[in-house]
């Protein structure tokens, strides 16, 4: 993996997404504060979406926008060989199997996005 796709860059992207999720604006004609959940595409909960329901297309969705999932690592053994799996292994698996509810690494993380879709 190059510097463009590093854990540090993914953490920074996740932080930026969190800041954007907290954004709001006053809508004078509507007479209310408007947030992302008011305007987002939420295919699994279109009538009353929360931020977690919003479909945000990002590589961090392979980790459900969760810092703990991104930082996770585990020891994985195959026969006599043993090694450590981390975010790289999970990402490679998910790129190839985006509809998986559990990867085949020792991490056993889902590839599904935070909102529940692929």
PDB file of N, CA and C in Angstrom:
ATOM      1  N   UNK A   1       0.841  -1.180   0.000  1.00  0.00           N
ATOM      2  CA  UNK A   1       0.000   0.000   0.000  1.00  0.00           C
ATOM      3  C   UNK A   1       0.883   1.238   0.000  1.00  0.00           C
ATOM      4  N   UNK A   2       0.467   2.221  -0.770  1.00  0.00           N
ATOM      5  CA  UNK A   2       1.244   3.457  -0.864  1.00  0.00           C
ATOM      6  C   UNK A   2       0.798   4.445   0.210  1.00  0.00           C
ATOM      7  N   UNK A   3       1.449   5.607   0.241  1.00  0.00           N
ATOM      8  CA  UNK A   3       1.112   6.643   1.208  1.00  0.00           C
ATOM      9  C   UNK A   3      -0.289   7.192   1.029  1.00  0.00           C
ATOM     10  N   UNK A   4      -0.843   7.076  -0.182  1.00  0.00           N
ATOM     11  CA  UNK A   4      -2.190   7.572  -0.440  1.00  0.00           C
ATOM     12  C   UNK A   4      -3.221   6.711   0.294  1.00  0.00           C
ATOM     13  N   UNK A   5      -2.927   5.436   0.437  1.00  0.00           N
ATOM     14  CA  UNK A   5      -3.832   4.519   1.123  1.00  0.00           C
ATOM     15  C   UNK A   5      -3.106   3.934   2.334  1.00  0.00           C
ATOM     16  N   UNK A   6      -3.018   4.748   3.372  1.00  0.00           N
ATOM     17  CA  UNK A   6      -2.371   4.318   4.609  1.00  0.00           C
ATOM     18  C   UNK A   6      -3.381   4.437   5.745  1.00  0.00           C
ATOM     19  N   UNK A   7      -3.069   3.820   6.872  1.00  0.00           N
ATOM     20  CA  UNK A   7      -3.971   3.911   8.015  1.00  0.00           C
ATOM     21  C   UNK A   7      -4.117   5.369   8.459  1.00  0.00           C
ATOM     22  N   UNK A   8      -3.046   6.118   8.393  1.00  0.00           N
ATOM     23  CA  UNK A   8      -3.092   7.534   8.781  1.00  0.00           C
ATOM     24  C   UNK A   8      -4.051   8.328   7.892  1.00  0.00           C
ATOM     25  N   UNK A   9      -4.004   8.078   6.587  1.00  0.00           N
ATOM     26  CA  UNK A   9      -4.894   8.768   5.658  1.00  0.00           C
ATOM     27  C   UNK A   9      -6.341   8.343   5.912  1.00  0.00           C
ATOM     28  N   UNK A  10      -6.570   7.060   6.164  1.00  0.00           N
ATOM     29  CA  UNK A  10      -7.927   6.590   6.446  1.00  0.00           C
ATOM     30  C   UNK A  10      -8.466   7.198   7.737  1.00  0.00           C
ATOM     31  N   UNK A  11      -7.615   7.327   8.757  1.00  0.00           N
ATOM     32  CA  UNK A  11      -8.049   7.965  10.008  1.00  0.00           C
ATOM     33  C   UNK A  11      -8.386   9.437   9.776  1.00  0.00           C
ATOM     34  N   UNK A  12      -7.585  10.122   8.959  1.00  0.00           N
ATOM     35  CA  UNK A  12      -7.855  11.531   8.641  1.00  0.00           C
ATOM     36  C   UNK A  12      -9.160  11.660   7.855  1.00  0.00           C
ATOM     37  N   UNK A  13      -9.399  10.744   6.920  1.00  0.00           N
ATOM     38  CA  UNK A  13     -10.635  10.751   6.150  1.00  0.00           C
ATOM     39  C   UNK A  13     -11.829  10.519   7.069  1.00  0.00           C
ATOM     40  N   UNK A  14     -11.689   9.605   8.003  1.00  0.00           N
ATOM     41  CA  UNK A  14     -12.767   9.328   8.957  1.00  0.00           C
ATOM     42  C   UNK A  14     -13.054  10.555   9.822  1.00  0.00           C
ATOM     43  N   UNK A  15     -12.014  11.250  10.237  1.00  0.00           N
ATOM     44  CA  UNK A  15     -12.188  12.467  11.030  1.00  0.00           C
ATOM     45  C   UNK A  15     -12.908  13.554  10.215  1.00  0.00           C
ATOM     46  N   UNK A  16     -12.529  13.711   8.958  1.00  0.00           N
ATOM     47  CA  UNK A  16     -13.186  14.687   8.084  1.00  0.00           C
ATOM     48  C   UNK A  16     -14.659  14.334   7.907  1.00  0.00           C
ATOM     49  N   UNK A  17     -14.960  13.062   7.701  1.00  0.00           N
ATOM     50  CA  UNK A  17     -16.349  12.633   7.548  1.00  0.00           C
ATOM     51  C   UNK A  17     -17.153  12.929   8.813  1.00  0.00           C
ATOM     52  N   UNK A  18     -16.541  12.717   9.975  1.00  0.00           N
ATOM     53  CA  UNK A  18     -17.229  13.005  11.236  1.00  0.00           C
ATOM     54  C   UNK A  18     -17.530  14.498  11.351  1.00  0.00           C
ATOM     55  N   UNK A  19     -16.591  15.340  10.942  1.00  0.00           N
ATOM     56  CA  UNK A  19     -16.812  16.787  10.977  1.00  0.00           C
ATOM     57  C   UNK A  19     -17.941  17.186  10.028  1.00  0.00           C
ATOM     58  N   UNK A  20     -17.955  16.595   8.837  1.00  0.00           N
ATOM     59  CA  UNK A  20     -19.010  16.901   7.869  1.00  0.00           C
ATOM     60  C   UNK A  20     -20.369  16.391   8.356  1.00  0.00           C
ATOM     61  N   UNK A  21     -20.369  15.268   9.054  1.00  0.00           N
ATOM     62  CA  UNK A  21     -21.618  14.722   9.607  1.00  0.00           C
ATOM     63  C   UNK A  21     -22.235  15.650  10.637  1.00  0.00           C
ATOM     64  N   UNK A  22     -21.396  16.395  11.328  1.00  0.00           N
ATOM     65  CA  UNK A  22     -21.871  17.314  12.359  1.00  0.00           C
ATOM     66  C   UNK A  22     -22.291  18.676  11.798  1.00  0.00           C
ATOM     67  N   UNK A  23     -22.096  18.876  10.505  1.00  0.00           N
ATOM     68  CA  UNK A  23     -22.426  20.172   9.893  1.00  0.00           C
ATOM     69  C   UNK A  23     -23.937  20.397   9.889  1.00  0.00           C
ATOM     70  N   UNK A  24     -24.311  21.667   9.990  1.00  0.00           N
ATOM     71  CA  UNK A  24     -25.717  22.046   9.943  1.00  0.00           C
ATOM     72  C   UNK A  24     -25.817  23.441   9.351  1.00  0.00           C
ATOM     73  N   UNK A  25     -27.005  23.784   8.924  1.00  0.00           N
ATOM     74  CA  UNK A  25     -27.246  25.119   8.377  1.00  0.00           C
ATOM     75  C   UNK A  25     -28.666  25.537   8.720  1.00  0.00           C
ATOM     76  N   UNK A  26     -28.841  26.819   8.917  1.00  0.00           N
ATOM     77  CA  UNK A  26     -30.167  27.361   9.168  1.00  0.00           C
ATOM     78  C   UNK A  26     -30.853  27.574   7.822  1.00  0.00           C
ATOM     79  N   UNK A  27     -32.051  27.017   7.659  1.00  0.00           N
ATOM     80  CA  UNK A  27     -32.832  27.180   6.431  1.00  0.00           C
ATOM     81  C   UNK A  27     -33.961  28.166   6.724  1.00  0.00           C
ATOM     82  N   UNK A  28     -33.779  29.438   6.361  1.00  0.00           N
ATOM     83  CA  UNK A  28     -34.758  30.459   6.736  1.00  0.00           C
ATOM     84  C   UNK A  28     -36.168  30.203   6.194  1.00  0.00           C
ATOM     85  N   UNK A  29     -36.269  29.721   4.954  1.00  0.00           N
ATOM     86  CA  UNK A  29     -37.610  29.477   4.384  1.00  0.00           C
ATOM     87  C   UNK A  29     -38.314  28.336   5.111  1.00  0.00           C
ATOM     88  N   UNK A  30     -37.552  27.337   5.517  1.00  0.00           N
ATOM     89  CA  UNK A  30     -38.141  26.209   6.253  1.00  0.00           C
ATOM     90  C   UNK A  30     -38.289  26.540   7.731  1.00  0.00           C
ATOM     91  N   UNK A  31     -37.522  27.527   8.190  1.00  0.00           N
ATOM     92  CA  UNK A  31     -37.580  27.926   9.588  1.00  0.00           C
ATOM     93  C   UNK A  31     -37.016  26.887  10.535  1.00  0.00           C
ATOM     94  N   UNK A  32     -35.987  26.171  10.061  1.00  0.00           N
ATOM     95  CA  UNK A  32     -35.383  25.146  10.920  1.00  0.00           C
ATOM     96  C   UNK A  32     -33.929  24.907  10.552  1.00  0.00           C
ATOM     97  N   UNK A  33     -33.258  24.215  11.437  1.00  0.00           N
ATOM     98  CA  UNK A  33     -31.881  23.793  11.188  1.00  0.00           C
ATOM     99  C   UNK A  33     -31.923  22.543  10.312  1.00  0.00           C
ATOM    100  N   UNK A  34     -31.072  22.503   9.300  1.00  0.00           N
ATOM    101  CA  UNK A  34     -30.991  21.364   8.392  1.00  0.00           C
ATOM    102  C   UNK A  34     -29.655  20.656   8.616  1.00  0.00           C
ATOM    103  N   UNK A  35     -29.709  19.349   8.740  1.00  0.00           N
ATOM    104  CA  UNK A  35     -28.501  18.543   8.929  1.00  0.00           C
ATOM    105  C   UNK A  35     -28.375  17.538   7.790  1.00  0.00           C
ATOM    106  N   UNK A  36     -27.307  16.787   7.801  1.00  0.00           N
ATOM    107  CA  UNK A  36     -27.081  15.778   6.768  1.00  0.00           C
ATOM    108  C   UNK A  36     -28.238  14.782   6.716  1.00  0.00           C
ATOM    109  N   UNK A  37     -28.748  14.364   7.855  1.00  0.00           N
ATOM    110  CA  UNK A  37     -29.837  13.380   7.851  1.00  0.00           C
ATOM    111  C   UNK A  37     -31.115  13.921   7.206  1.00  0.00           C
ATOM    112  N   UNK A  38     -31.243  15.233   7.101  1.00  0.00           N
ATOM    113  CA  UNK A  38     -32.404  15.832   6.429  1.00  0.00           C
ATOM    114  C   UNK A  38     -32.306  15.756   4.910  1.00  0.00           C
ATOM    115  N   UNK A  39     -31.101  15.650   4.389  1.00  0.00           N
ATOM    116  CA  UNK A  39     -30.916  15.714   2.938  1.00  0.00           C
ATOM    117  C   UNK A  39     -30.224  14.487   2.350  1.00  0.00           C
ATOM    118  N   UNK A  40     -29.853  13.533   3.175  1.00  0.00           N
ATOM    119  CA  UNK A  40     -29.073  12.398   2.668  1.00  0.00           C
ATOM    120  C   UNK A  40     -29.948  11.338   2.004  1.00  0.00           C
ATOM    121  N   UNK A  41     -29.293  10.500   1.225  1.00  0.00           N
ATOM    122  CA  UNK A  41     -29.931   9.319   0.638  1.00  0.00           C
ATOM    123  C   UNK A  41     -29.819   8.201   1.670  1.00  0.00           C
ATOM    124  N   UNK A  42     -30.956   7.722   2.144  1.00  0.00           N
ATOM    125  CA  UNK A  42     -30.991   6.670   3.165  1.00  0.00           C
ATOM    126  C   UNK A  42     -31.890   5.540   2.667  1.00  0.00           C
ATOM    127  N   UNK A  43     -31.365   4.653   1.824  1.00  0.00           N
ATOM    128  CA  UNK A  43     -32.212   3.639   1.175  1.00  0.00           C
ATOM    129  C   UNK A  43     -32.879   2.653   2.133  1.00  0.00           C
ATOM    130  N   UNK A  44     -32.294   2.407   3.287  1.00  0.00           N
ATOM    131  CA  UNK A  44     -32.876   1.427   4.207  1.00  0.00           C
ATOM    132  C   UNK A  44     -33.781   2.053   5.257  1.00  0.00           C
ATOM    133  N   UNK A  45     -33.820   3.379   5.322  1.00  0.00           N
ATOM    134  CA  UNK A  45     -34.704   4.081   6.252  1.00  0.00           C
ATOM    135  C   UNK A  45     -35.036   5.459   5.666  1.00  0.00           C
ATOM    136  N   UNK A  46     -35.769   5.496   4.555  1.00  0.00           N
ATOM    137  CA  UNK A  46     -35.997   6.772   3.870  1.00  0.00           C
ATOM    138  C   UNK A  46     -36.958   7.725   4.584  1.00  0.00           C
ATOM    139  N   UNK A  47     -37.799   7.228   5.467  1.00  0.00           N
ATOM    140  CA  UNK A  47     -38.800   8.102   6.072  1.00  0.00           C
ATOM    141  C   UNK A  47     -38.302   8.857   7.292  1.00  0.00           C
ATOM    142  N   UNK A  48     -37.404   8.264   8.074  1.00  0.00           N
ATOM    143  CA  UNK A  48     -36.893   8.934   9.281  1.00  0.00           C
ATOM    144  C   UNK A  48     -35.419   8.609   9.477  1.00  0.00           C
ATOM    145  N   UNK A  49     -34.571   9.035   8.547  1.00  0.00           N
ATOM    146  CA  UNK A  49     -33.153   8.654   8.639  1.00  0.00           C
ATOM    147  C   UNK A  49     -32.405   9.349   9.776  1.00  0.00           C
ATOM    148  N   UNK A  50     -31.482   8.618  10.350  1.00  0.00           N
ATOM    149  CA  UNK A  50     -30.506   9.178  11.275  1.00  0.00           C
ATOM    150  C   UNK A  50     -29.186   9.247  10.516  1.00  0.00           C
ATOM    151  N   UNK A  51     -28.167   9.827  11.110  1.00  0.00           N
ATOM    152  CA  UNK A  51     -26.866   9.903  10.424  1.00  0.00           C
ATOM    153  C   UNK A  51     -26.350   8.529  10.035  1.00  0.00           C
ATOM    154  N   UNK A  52     -26.546   7.539  10.886  1.00  0.00           N
ATOM    155  CA  UNK A  52     -26.090   6.181  10.595  1.00  0.00           C
ATOM    156  C   UNK A  52     -26.803   5.530   9.431  1.00  0.00           C
ATOM    157  N   UNK A  53     -27.961   6.069   9.041  1.00  0.00           N
ATOM    158  CA  UNK A  53     -28.721   5.533   7.916  1.00  0.00           C
ATOM    159  C   UNK A  53     -28.289   6.120   6.583  1.00  0.00           C
ATOM    160  N   UNK A  54     -27.552   7.221   6.608  1.00  0.00           N
ATOM    161  CA  UNK A  54     -27.158   7.909   5.379  1.00  0.00           C
ATOM    162  C   UNK A  54     -26.139   7.088   4.592  1.00  0.00           C
ATOM    163  N   UNK A  55     -26.378   6.972   3.301  1.00  0.00           N
ATOM    164  CA  UNK A  55     -25.473   6.252   2.410  1.00  0.00           C
ATOM    165  C   UNK A  55     -24.332   7.192   2.041  1.00  0.00           C
ATOM    166  N   UNK A  56     -23.189   6.980   2.658  1.00  0.00           N
ATOM    167  CA  UNK A  56     -21.996   7.773   2.378  1.00  0.00           C
ATOM    168  C   UNK A  56     -20.986   6.824   1.735  1.00  0.00           C
ATOM    169  N   UNK A  57     -20.672   7.064   0.468  1.00  0.00           N
ATOM    170  CA  UNK A  57     -19.746   6.184  -0.242  1.00  0.00           C
ATOM    171  C   UNK A  57     -18.316   6.590   0.067  1.00  0.00           C
ATOM    172  N   UNK A  58     -17.646   5.736   0.811  1.00  0.00           N
ATOM    173  CA  UNK A  58     -16.276   6.007   1.235  1.00  0.00           C
ATOM    174  C   UNK A  58     -15.593   4.691   1.557  1.00  0.00           C
ATOM    175  N   UNK A  59     -14.301   4.645   1.374  1.00  0.00           N
ATOM    176  CA  UNK A  59     -13.541   3.443   1.705  1.00  0.00           C
ATOM    177  C   UNK A  59     -13.658   3.106   3.193  1.00  0.00           C
ATOM    178  N   UNK A  60     -13.896   4.112   4.032  1.00  0.00           N
ATOM    179  CA  UNK A  60     -14.021   3.848   5.468  1.00  0.00           C
ATOM    180  C   UNK A  60     -15.298   3.088   5.810  1.00  0.00           C
ATOM    181  N   UNK A  61     -16.235   3.000   4.872  1.00  0.00           N
ATOM    182  CA  UNK A  61     -17.451   2.219   5.112  1.00  0.00           C
ATOM    183  C   UNK A  61     -17.134   0.728   5.236  1.00  0.00           C
ATOM    184  N   UNK A  62     -16.036   0.268   4.644  1.00  0.00           N
ATOM    185  CA  UNK A  62     -15.636  -1.130   4.817  1.00  0.00           C
ATOM    186  C   UNK A  62     -15.311  -1.432   6.283  1.00  0.00           C
ATOM    187  N   UNK A  63     -15.150  -0.381   7.071  1.00  0.00           N
ATOM    188  CA  UNK A  63     -14.872  -0.503   8.512  1.00  0.00           C
ATOM    189  C   UNK A  63     -16.030   0.073   9.331  1.00  0.00           C
ATOM    190  N   UNK A  64     -17.194   0.272   8.685  1.00  0.00           N
ATOM    191  CA  UNK A  64     -18.394   0.832   9.293  1.00  0.00           C
ATOM    192  C   UNK A  64     -18.119   2.194   9.935  1.00  0.00           C
ATOM    193  N   UNK A  65     -17.186   2.931   9.363  1.00  0.00           N
ATOM    194  CA  UNK A  65     -16.784   4.248   9.887  1.00  0.00           C
ATOM    195  C   UNK A  65     -16.418   4.160  11.369  1.00  0.00           C
ATOM    196  N   UNK A  66     -15.773   3.083  11.739  1.00  0.00           N
ATOM    197  CA  UNK A  66     -15.471   2.800  13.142  1.00  0.00           C
ATOM    198  C   UNK A  66     -13.950   2.745  13.327  1.00  0.00           C
ATOM    199  N   UNK A  67     -13.423   3.628  14.149  1.00  0.00           N
ATOM    200  CA  UNK A  67     -11.972   3.688  14.388  1.00  0.00           C
ATOM    201  C   UNK A  67     -11.425   2.390  14.979  1.00  0.00           C
ATOM    202  N   UNK A  68     -12.198   1.757  15.837  1.00  0.00           N
ATOM    203  CA  UNK A  68     -11.762   0.503  16.460  1.00  0.00           C
ATOM    204  C   UNK A  68     -11.605  -0.586  15.411  1.00  0.00           C
ATOM    205  N   UNK A  69     -12.542  -0.653  14.467  1.00  0.00           N
ATOM    206  CA  UNK A  69     -12.433  -1.641  13.393  1.00  0.00           C
ATOM    207  C   UNK A  69     -11.206  -1.361  12.527  1.00  0.00           C
ATOM    208  N   UNK A  70     -10.971  -0.091  12.231  1.00  0.00           N
ATOM    209  CA  UNK A  70      -9.826   0.288  11.408  1.00  0.00           C
ATOM    210  C   UNK A  70      -8.504  -0.066  12.087  1.00  0.00           C
ATOM    211  N   UNK A  71      -8.432   0.095  13.393  1.00  0.00           N
ATOM    212  CA  UNK A  71      -7.192  -0.167  14.137  1.00  0.00           C
ATOM    213  C   UNK A  71      -7.013  -1.624  14.536  1.00  0.00           C
ATOM    214  N   UNK A  72      -8.014  -2.458  14.304  1.00  0.00           N
ATOM    215  CA  UNK A  72      -7.966  -3.854  14.765  1.00  0.00           C
ATOM    216  C   UNK A  72      -6.879  -4.655  14.058  1.00  0.00           C
ATOM    217  N   UNK A  73      -6.313  -5.585  14.799  1.00  0.00           N
ATOM    218  CA  UNK A  73      -5.389  -6.563  14.229  1.00  0.00           C
ATOM    219  C   UNK A  73      -5.592  -7.859  14.995  1.00  0.00           C
ATOM    220  N   UNK A  74      -5.212  -8.954  14.363  1.00  0.00           N
ATOM    221  CA  UNK A  74      -5.384 -10.261  14.996  1.00  0.00           C
ATOM    222  C   UNK A  74      -4.333 -11.216  14.457  1.00  0.00           C
ATOM    223  N   UNK A  75      -4.009 -12.206  15.268  1.00  0.00           N
ATOM    224  CA  UNK A  75      -3.091 -13.255  14.830  1.00  0.00           C
ATOM    225  C   UNK A  75      -3.886 -14.299  14.066  1.00  0.00           C
ATOM    226  N   UNK A  76      -3.375 -14.671  12.914  1.00  0.00           N
ATOM    227  CA  UNK A  76      -4.053 -15.677  12.097  1.00  0.00           C
ATOM    228  C   UNK A  76      -3.059 -16.769  11.753  1.00  0.00           C
ATOM    229  N   UNK A  77      -3.493 -17.997  11.907  1.00  0.00           N
ATOM    230  CA  UNK A  77      -2.640 -19.148  11.619  1.00  0.00           C
ATOM    231  C   UNK A  77      -3.223 -19.964  10.483  1.00  0.00           C
ATOM    232  N   UNK A  78      -2.341 -20.516   9.690  1.00  0.00           N
ATOM    233  CA  UNK A  78      -2.723 -21.418   8.607  1.00  0.00           C
ATOM    234  C   UNK A  78      -1.686 -22.527   8.588  1.00  0.00           C
ATOM    235  N   UNK A  79      -2.052 -23.660   9.152  1.00  0.00           N
ATOM    236  CA  UNK A  79      -1.082 -24.740   9.286  1.00  0.00           C
ATOM    237  C   UNK A  79      -0.005 -24.335  10.273  1.00  0.00           C
ATOM    238  N   UNK A  80       1.261 -24.409   9.854  1.00  0.00           N
ATOM    239  CA  UNK A  80       2.361 -24.023  10.731  1.00  0.00           C
ATOM    240  C   UNK A  80       2.706 -22.541  10.601  1.00  0.00           C
ATOM    241  N   UNK A  81       2.138 -21.879   9.603  1.00  0.00           N
ATOM    242  CA  UNK A  81       2.417 -20.463   9.391  1.00  0.00           C
ATOM    243  C   UNK A  81       1.482 -19.609  10.245  1.00  0.00           C
ATOM    244  N   UNK A  82       2.046 -18.540  10.759  1.00  0.00           N
ATOM    245  CA  UNK A  82       1.261 -17.618  11.574  1.00  0.00           C
ATOM    246  C   UNK A  82       1.675 -16.191  11.226  1.00  0.00           C
ATOM    247  N   UNK A  83       0.711 -15.286  11.284  1.00  0.00           N
ATOM    248  CA  UNK A  83       1.005 -13.888  10.977  1.00  0.00           C
ATOM    249  C   UNK A  83      -0.072 -12.991  11.538  1.00  0.00           C
ATOM    250  N   UNK A  84       0.086 -11.709  11.313  1.00  0.00           N
ATOM    251  CA  UNK A  84      -0.874 -10.729  11.801  1.00  0.00           C
ATOM    252  C   UNK A  84      -1.691 -10.194  10.634  1.00  0.00           C
ATOM    253  N   UNK A  85      -3.007 -10.142  10.821  1.00  0.00           N
ATOM    254  CA  UNK A  85      -3.892  -9.529   9.830  1.00  0.00           C
ATOM    255  C   UNK A  85      -4.372  -8.196  10.380  1.00  0.00           C
ATOM    256  N   UNK A  86      -4.588  -7.246   9.480  1.00  0.00           N
ATOM    257  CA  UNK A  86      -5.029  -5.916   9.910  1.00  0.00           C
ATOM    258  C   UNK A  86      -5.930  -5.303   8.848  1.00  0.00           C
ATOM    259  N   UNK A  87      -6.055  -3.983   8.870  1.00  0.00           N
ATOM    260  CA  UNK A  87      -6.962  -3.269   7.971  1.00  0.00           C
ATOM    261  C   UNK A  87      -6.671  -3.563   6.512  1.00  0.00           C
ATOM    262  N   UNK A  88      -5.405  -3.783   6.154  1.00  0.00           N
ATOM    263  CA  UNK A  88      -5.047  -4.051   4.758  1.00  0.00           C
ATOM    264  C   UNK A  88      -5.707  -5.335   4.266  1.00  0.00           C
ATOM    265  N   UNK A  89      -5.623  -6.387   5.093  1.00  0.00           N
ATOM    266  CA  UNK A  89      -6.205  -7.676   4.722  1.00  0.00           C
ATOM    267  C   UNK A  89      -7.720  -7.572   4.607  1.00  0.00           C
ATOM    268  N   UNK A  90      -8.325  -6.843   5.541  1.00  0.00           N
ATOM    269  CA  UNK A  90      -9.776  -6.660   5.503  1.00  0.00           C
ATOM    270  C   UNK A  90     -10.178  -5.882   4.259  1.00  0.00           C
ATOM    271  N   UNK A  91      -9.454  -4.822   3.940  1.00  0.00           N
ATOM    272  CA  UNK A  91      -9.766  -4.009   2.765  1.00  0.00           C
ATOM    273  C   UNK A  91      -9.653  -4.826   1.480  1.00  0.00           C
ATOM    274  N   UNK A  92      -8.588  -5.598   1.338  1.00  0.00           N
ATOM    275  CA  UNK A  92      -8.407  -6.431   0.138  1.00  0.00           C
ATOM    276  C   UNK A  92      -9.561  -7.417   0.009  1.00  0.00           C
ATOM    277  N   UNK A  93      -9.942  -8.040   1.128  1.00  0.00           N
ATOM    278  CA  UNK A  93     -11.054  -8.982   1.096  1.00  0.00           C
ATOM    279  C   UNK A  93     -12.343  -8.281   0.660  1.00  0.00           C
ATOM    280  N   UNK A  94     -12.633  -7.130   1.244  1.00  0.00           N
ATOM    281  CA  UNK A  94     -13.886  -6.426   0.964  1.00  0.00           C
ATOM    282  C   UNK A  94     -13.961  -5.887  -0.459  1.00  0.00           C
ATOM    283  N   UNK A  95     -12.850  -5.455  -1.001  1.00  0.00           N
ATOM    284  CA  UNK A  95     -12.840  -4.983  -2.393  1.00  0.00           C
ATOM    285  C   UNK A  95     -13.249  -6.126  -3.324  1.00  0.00           C
ATOM    286  N   UNK A  96     -12.861  -7.334  -2.966  1.00  0.00           N
ATOM    287  CA  UNK A  96     -13.190  -8.506  -3.779  1.00  0.00           C
ATOM    288  C   UNK A  96     -14.538  -9.129  -3.422  1.00  0.00           C
ATOM    289  N   UNK A  97     -15.028  -8.898  -2.205  1.00  0.00           N
ATOM    290  CA  UNK A  97     -16.301  -9.470  -1.754  1.00  0.00           C
ATOM    291  C   UNK A  97     -17.102  -8.427  -0.969  1.00  0.00           C
ATOM    292  N   UNK A  98     -17.553  -7.359  -1.624  1.00  0.00           N
ATOM    293  CA  UNK A  98     -18.182  -6.244  -0.904  1.00  0.00           C
ATOM    294  C   UNK A  98     -19.504  -6.589  -0.208  1.00  0.00           C
ATOM    295  N   UNK A  99     -20.132  -7.694  -0.549  1.00  0.00           N
ATOM    296  CA  UNK A  99     -21.412  -8.057   0.061  1.00  0.00           C
ATOM    297  C   UNK A  99     -21.254  -8.996   1.253  1.00  0.00           C
ATOM    298  N   UNK A 100     -20.028  -9.212   1.693  1.00  0.00           N
ATOM    299  CA  UNK A 100     -19.765 -10.148   2.791  1.00  0.00           C
ATOM    300  C   UNK A 100     -20.138  -9.555   4.150  1.00  0.00           C
ATOM    301  N   UNK A 101     -20.807 -10.368   4.961  1.00  0.00           N
ATOM    302  CA  UNK A 101     -21.142  -9.949   6.321  1.00  0.00           C
ATOM    303  C   UNK A 101     -20.030 -10.280   7.310  1.00  0.00           C
ATOM    304  N   UNK A 102     -19.032 -11.067   6.872  1.00  0.00           N
ATOM    305  CA  UNK A 102     -17.891 -11.395   7.733  1.00  0.00           C
ATOM    306  C   UNK A 102     -16.737 -11.819   6.840  1.00  0.00           C
ATOM    307  N   UNK A 103     -15.598 -11.129   6.999  1.00  0.00           N
ATOM    308  CA  UNK A 103     -14.453 -11.503   6.164  1.00  0.00           C
ATOM    309  C   UNK A 103     -13.876 -12.836   6.645  1.00  0.00           C
ATOM    310  N   UNK A 104     -12.968 -13.403   5.856  1.00  0.00           N
ATOM    311  CA  UNK A 104     -12.412 -14.714   6.193  1.00  0.00           C
ATOM    312  C   UNK A 104     -11.104 -14.607   6.979  1.00  0.00           C
ATOM    313  N   UNK A 105     -10.757 -13.405   7.391  1.00  0.00           N
ATOM    314  CA  UNK A 105      -9.572 -13.238   8.229  1.00  0.00           C
ATOM    315  C   UNK A 105      -9.949 -13.477   9.688  1.00  0.00           C
ATOM    316  N   UNK A 106      -8.963 -13.496  10.556  1.00  0.00           N
ATOM    317  CA  UNK A 106      -9.205 -13.647  11.991  1.00  0.00           C
ATOM    318  C   UNK A 106      -9.917 -12.424  12.569  1.00  0.00           C
ATOM    319  N   UNK A 107      -9.969 -11.325  11.822  1.00  0.00           N
ATOM    320  CA  UNK A 107     -10.690 -10.138  12.283  1.00  0.00           C
ATOM    321  C   UNK A 107     -12.196 -10.373  12.292  1.00  0.00           C
ATOM    322  N   UNK A 108     -12.678 -11.123  11.316  1.00  0.00           N
ATOM    323  CA  UNK A 108     -14.099 -11.444  11.165  1.00  0.00           C
ATOM    324  C   UNK A 108     -14.986 -10.200  11.147  1.00  0.00           C
ATOM    325  N   UNK A 109     -14.541  -9.162  10.421  1.00  0.00           N
ATOM    326  CA  UNK A 109     -15.306  -7.925  10.299  1.00  0.00           C
ATOM    327  C   UNK A 109     -16.227  -7.987   9.083  1.00  0.00           C
ATOM    328  N   UNK A 110     -17.307  -7.253   9.149  1.00  0.00           N
ATOM    329  CA  UNK A 110     -18.229  -7.149   8.029  1.00  0.00           C
ATOM    330  C   UNK A 110     -17.678  -6.186   6.979  1.00  0.00           C
ATOM    331  N   UNK A 111     -18.055  -6.420   5.743  1.00  0.00           N
ATOM    332  CA  UNK A 111     -17.707  -5.491   4.663  1.00  0.00           C
ATOM    333  C   UNK A 111     -18.854  -4.514   4.400  1.00  0.00           C
ATOM    334  N   UNK A 112     -19.988  -4.758   5.022  1.00  0.00           N
ATOM    335  CA  UNK A 112     -21.155  -3.908   4.807  1.00  0.00           C
ATOM    336  C   UNK A 112     -20.951  -2.540   5.447  1.00  0.00           C
ATOM    337  N   UNK A 113     -21.532  -1.535   4.840  1.00  0.00           N
ATOM    338  CA  UNK A 113     -21.385  -0.155   5.317  1.00  0.00           C
ATOM    339  C   UNK A 113     -22.159   0.070   6.612  1.00  0.00           C
ATOM    340  N   UNK A 114     -21.875   1.174   7.254  1.00  0.00           N
ATOM    341  CA  UNK A 114     -22.544   1.534   8.517  1.00  0.00           C
ATOM    342  C   UNK A 114     -24.060   1.571   8.356  1.00  0.00           C
ATOM    343  N   UNK A 115     -24.544   2.025   7.201  1.00  0.00           N
ATOM    344  CA  UNK A 115     -25.986   2.144   6.999  1.00  0.00           C
ATOM    345  C   UNK A 115     -26.641   0.798   6.670  1.00  0.00           C
ATOM    346  N   UNK A 116     -25.850  -0.258   6.492  1.00  0.00           N
ATOM    347  CA  UNK A 116     -26.384  -1.600   6.277  1.00  0.00           C
ATOM    348  C   UNK A 116     -26.291  -2.110   4.861  1.00  0.00           C
ATOM    349  N   UNK A 117     -25.924  -1.269   3.918  1.00  0.00           N
ATOM    350  CA  UNK A 117     -25.804  -1.691   2.524  1.00  0.00           C
ATOM    351  C   UNK A 117     -24.361  -1.942   2.149  1.00  0.00           C
ATOM    352  N   UNK A 118     -24.161  -2.359   0.895  1.00  0.00           N
ATOM    353  CA  UNK A 118     -22.786  -2.623   0.435  1.00  0.00           C
ATOM    354  C   UNK A 118     -22.006  -1.351   0.164  1.00  0.00           C
TER     355      UNK A 118
END
